[in-house]
Amino acid sequence: METLLAFVIGGLYAAGLYMMVRRSIVRMVFGLALLGNAANLLIFTMGRLVRGRPPLISEGAIAPSAPYADPLTQAMILTAIVIGFGIQAFALVLIKRVYETVGDDDVDEMRITDSLEHK
């Protein structure tokens, strides 16, 4: 299962990086979302994939019996998801404002508009 997830994570990273180097800002935000999801899957995979074994310590034991799901990685992923949604919401509002100002989502058009304002 980890091997399959490694290929999926690699594909998500590749697609995210490809979309981030495109000229459209909308595609750049979608690429950012893909990179965030790939990072979350990577963290989740590093925490070992174990089903049905909560990290509960039985009575009289010092540590939970292995194998168990690591709760730290799950908490980190939940935090990363919330932060990712905040960044994506900010980026979408920023894109809307840039589109209203420039009239296009092409990065080269924004550079041309920026250089015309300074002359």
C-alpha atoms as a PDB file:
ATOM      1  CA  MET A   1       0.000   0.000   0.000  1.00  0.00           C
ATOM      2  CA  GLU A   2       2.859   2.366   0.809  1.00  0.00           C
ATOM      3  CA  THR A   3       4.354   1.798  -2.655  1.00  0.00           C
ATOM      4  CA  LEU A   4       1.090   2.772  -4.337  1.00  0.00           C
ATOM      5  CA  LEU A   5       0.833   5.892  -2.186  1.00  0.00           C
ATOM      6  CA  ALA A   6       4.433   6.785  -3.032  1.00  0.00           C
ATOM      7  CA  PHE A   7       3.555   6.796  -6.732  1.00  0.00           C
ATOM      8  CA  VAL A   8       0.379   8.804  -6.095  1.00  0.00           C
ATOM      9  CA  ILE A   9       2.320  11.337  -4.027  1.00  0.00           C
ATOM     10  CA  GLY A  10       4.969  11.619  -6.742  1.00  0.00           C
ATOM     11  CA  GLY A  11       2.260  12.158  -9.364  1.00  0.00           C
ATOM     12  CA  LEU A  12       0.590  14.845  -7.266  1.00  0.00           C
ATOM     13  CA  TYR A  13       3.904  16.638  -6.737  1.00  0.00           C
ATOM     14  CA  ALA A  14       4.693  16.457 -10.458  1.00  0.00           C
ATOM     15  CA  ALA A  15       1.242  17.731 -11.468  1.00  0.00           C
ATOM     16  CA  GLY A  16       1.362  20.480  -8.840  1.00  0.00           C
ATOM     17  CA  LEU A  17       4.783  21.693  -9.936  1.00  0.00           C
ATOM     18  CA  TYR A  18       3.745  21.560 -13.594  1.00  0.00           C
ATOM     19  CA  MET A  19       0.653  23.648 -12.901  1.00  0.00           C
ATOM     20  CA  MET A  20       2.624  26.165 -10.837  1.00  0.00           C
ATOM     21  CA  VAL A  21       4.979  26.982 -13.719  1.00  0.00           C
ATOM     22  CA  ARG A  22       2.119  27.743 -16.108  1.00  0.00           C
ATOM     23  CA  ARG A  23       1.375  31.347 -16.995  1.00  0.00           C
ATOM     24  CA  SER A  24      -2.143  31.401 -15.561  1.00  0.00           C
ATOM     25  CA  ILE A  25      -2.569  32.398 -11.920  1.00  0.00           C
ATOM     26  CA  VAL A  26      -5.649  30.176 -11.557  1.00  0.00           C
ATOM     27  CA  ARG A  27      -3.572  27.152 -12.568  1.00  0.00           C
ATOM     28  CA  MET A  28      -0.916  28.249 -10.126  1.00  0.00           C
ATOM     29  CA  VAL A  29      -3.427  28.140  -7.262  1.00  0.00           C
ATOM     30  CA  PHE A  30      -4.630  24.692  -8.356  1.00  0.00           C
ATOM     31  CA  GLY A  31      -0.991  23.586  -8.420  1.00  0.00           C
ATOM     32  CA  LEU A  32      -0.558  24.947  -4.915  1.00  0.00           C
ATOM     33  CA  ALA A  33      -3.577  22.920  -3.793  1.00  0.00           C
ATOM     34  CA  LEU A  34      -2.127  19.766  -5.362  1.00  0.00           C
ATOM     35  CA  LEU A  35       1.192  20.348  -3.629  1.00  0.00           C
ATOM     36  CA  GLY A  36      -0.616  20.759  -0.308  1.00  0.00           C
ATOM     37  CA  ASN A  37      -2.518  17.523  -0.794  1.00  0.00           C
ATOM     38  CA  ALA A  38       0.667  15.701  -1.787  1.00  0.00           C
ATOM     39  CA  ALA A  39       2.421  16.972   1.344  1.00  0.00           C
ATOM     40  CA  ASN A  40      -0.503  15.829   3.503  1.00  0.00           C
ATOM     41  CA  LEU A  41      -0.418  12.367   1.953  1.00  0.00           C
ATOM     42  CA  LEU A  42       3.338  12.208   2.480  1.00  0.00           C
ATOM     43  CA  ILE A  43       2.990  13.055   6.171  1.00  0.00           C
ATOM     44  CA  PHE A  44       0.141  10.556   6.500  1.00  0.00           C
ATOM     45  CA  THR A  45       2.188   7.803   4.881  1.00  0.00           C
ATOM     46  CA  MET A  46       5.182   8.527   7.112  1.00  0.00           C
ATOM     47  CA  GLY A  47       2.974   7.937  10.160  1.00  0.00           C
ATOM     48  CA  ARG A  48       2.521   4.278   9.175  1.00  0.00           C
ATOM     49  CA  LEU A  49      -0.686   2.997   7.659  1.00  0.00           C
ATOM     50  CA  VAL A  50      -2.457   0.896  10.248  1.00  0.00           C
ATOM     51  CA  ARG A  51      -6.194   0.284  10.223  1.00  0.00           C
ATOM     52  CA  GLY A  52      -8.362  -0.371  13.218  1.00  0.00           C
ATOM     53  CA  ARG A  53      -5.643   0.020  15.850  1.00  0.00           C
ATOM     54  CA  PRO A  54      -6.083   3.205  17.882  1.00  0.00           C
ATOM     55  CA  PRO A  55      -3.114   4.262  20.015  1.00  0.00           C
ATOM     56  CA  LEU A  56      -4.725   3.339  23.322  1.00  0.00           C
ATOM     57  CA  ILE A  57      -2.631   2.219  26.269  1.00  0.00           C
ATOM     58  CA  SER A  58      -4.131  -0.827  27.922  1.00  0.00           C
ATOM     59  CA  GLU A  59      -4.451  -0.986  31.691  1.00  0.00           C
ATOM     60  CA  GLY A  60      -1.124  -1.659  33.386  1.00  0.00           C
ATOM     61  CA  ALA A  61       0.981  -1.005  30.252  1.00  0.00           C
ATOM     62  CA  ILE A  62       3.469   1.827  29.775  1.00  0.00           C
ATOM     63  CA  ALA A  63       3.077   2.252  26.009  1.00  0.00           C
ATOM     64  CA  PRO A  64       0.524   1.154  23.421  1.00  0.00           C
ATOM     65  CA  SER A  65       1.127  -2.210  21.795  1.00  0.00           C
ATOM     66  CA  ALA A  66       2.445  -2.068  18.227  1.00  0.00           C
ATOM     67  CA  PRO A  67       1.288  -1.647  15.518  1.00  0.00           C
ATOM     68  CA  TYR A  68      -0.915   1.387  16.039  1.00  0.00           C
ATOM     69  CA  ALA A  69      -1.875   4.516  14.128  1.00  0.00           C
ATOM     70  CA  ASP A  70       0.261   7.526  15.013  1.00  0.00           C
ATOM     71  CA  PRO A  71      -2.033  10.345  16.222  1.00  0.00           C
ATOM     72  CA  LEU A  72       0.650  13.035  15.832  1.00  0.00           C
ATOM     73  CA  THR A  73       0.729  12.792  12.050  1.00  0.00           C
ATOM     74  CA  GLN A  74      -3.047  12.910  11.907  1.00  0.00           C
ATOM     75  CA  ALA A  75      -3.116  16.068  14.024  1.00  0.00           C
ATOM     76  CA  MET A  76      -0.424  17.643  11.837  1.00  0.00           C
ATOM     77  CA  ILE A  77      -2.432  16.847   8.708  1.00  0.00           C
ATOM     78  CA  LEU A  78      -5.594  18.392  10.157  1.00  0.00           C
ATOM     79  CA  THR A  79      -3.654  21.545  10.951  1.00  0.00           C
ATOM     80  CA  ALA A  80      -2.108  21.584   7.475  1.00  0.00           C
ATOM     81  CA  ILE A  81      -5.545  21.185   5.861  1.00  0.00           C
ATOM     82  CA  VAL A  82      -6.915  24.202   7.735  1.00  0.00           C
ATOM     83  CA  ILE A  83      -3.881  26.320   6.865  1.00  0.00           C
ATOM     84  CA  GLY A  84      -4.071  25.161   3.239  1.00  0.00           C
ATOM     85  CA  PHE A  85      -7.719  26.185   2.978  1.00  0.00           C
ATOM     86  CA  GLY A  86      -6.867  29.598   4.394  1.00  0.00           C
ATOM     87  CA  ILE A  87      -4.074  30.106   1.868  1.00  0.00           C
ATOM     88  CA  GLN A  88      -6.280  28.964  -1.005  1.00  0.00           C
ATOM     89  CA  ALA A  89      -9.097  31.280   0.051  1.00  0.00           C
ATOM     90  CA  PHE A  90      -6.675  34.213   0.238  1.00  0.00           C
ATOM     91  CA  ALA A  91      -5.211  33.310  -3.160  1.00  0.00           C
ATOM     92  CA  LEU A  92      -8.667  33.117  -4.763  1.00  0.00           C
ATOM     93  CA  VAL A  93      -9.611  36.542  -3.404  1.00  0.00           C
ATOM     94  CA  LEU A  94      -6.286  37.898  -4.620  1.00  0.00           C
ATOM     95  CA  ILE A  95      -6.894  36.405  -8.078  1.00  0.00           C
ATOM     96  CA  LYS A  96     -10.331  38.003  -8.211  1.00  0.00           C
ATOM     97  CA  ARG A  97      -8.860  41.399  -7.354  1.00  0.00           C
ATOM     98  CA  VAL A  98      -6.038  41.042  -9.881  1.00  0.00           C
ATOM     99  CA  TYR A  99      -8.499  39.996 -12.585  1.00  0.00           C
ATOM    100  CA  GLU A 100     -10.674  43.038 -11.831  1.00  0.00           C
ATOM    101  CA  THR A 101      -7.636  45.319 -12.038  1.00  0.00           C
ATOM    102  CA  VAL A 102      -5.719  43.824 -14.970  1.00  0.00           C
ATOM    103  CA  GLY A 103      -8.532  42.092 -16.830  1.00  0.00           C
ATOM    104  CA  ASP A 104      -6.520  38.916 -17.428  1.00  0.00           C
ATOM    105  CA  ASP A 105      -4.989  36.093 -15.386  1.00  0.00           C
ATOM    106  CA  ASP A 106      -1.845  35.828 -17.521  1.00  0.00           C
ATOM    107  CA  VAL A 107       1.355  36.566 -15.602  1.00  0.00           C
ATOM    108  CA  ASP A 108       2.997  38.233 -18.620  1.00  0.00           C
ATOM    109  CA  GLU A 109       0.064  40.645 -18.948  1.00  0.00           C
ATOM    110  CA  MET A 110       0.507  41.615 -15.318  1.00  0.00           C
ATOM    111  CA  ARG A 111       4.171  42.397 -15.913  1.00  0.00           C
ATOM    112  CA  ILE A 112       3.281  44.559 -18.912  1.00  0.00           C
ATOM    113  CA  THR A 113       0.603  46.373 -16.887  1.00  0.00           C
ATOM    114  CA  ASP A 114       3.035  46.877 -14.005  1.00  0.00           C
ATOM    115  CA  SER A 115       5.725  48.350 -16.258  1.00  0.00           C
ATOM    116  CA  LEU A 116       3.212  50.705 -17.911  1.00  0.00           C
ATOM    117  CA  GLU A 117       2.131  52.124 -14.552  1.00  0.00           C
ATOM    118  CA  HIS A 118       5.698  53.101 -13.606  1.00  0.00           C
ATOM    119  CA  LYS A 119       6.374  55.079 -16.797  1.00  0.00           C
END
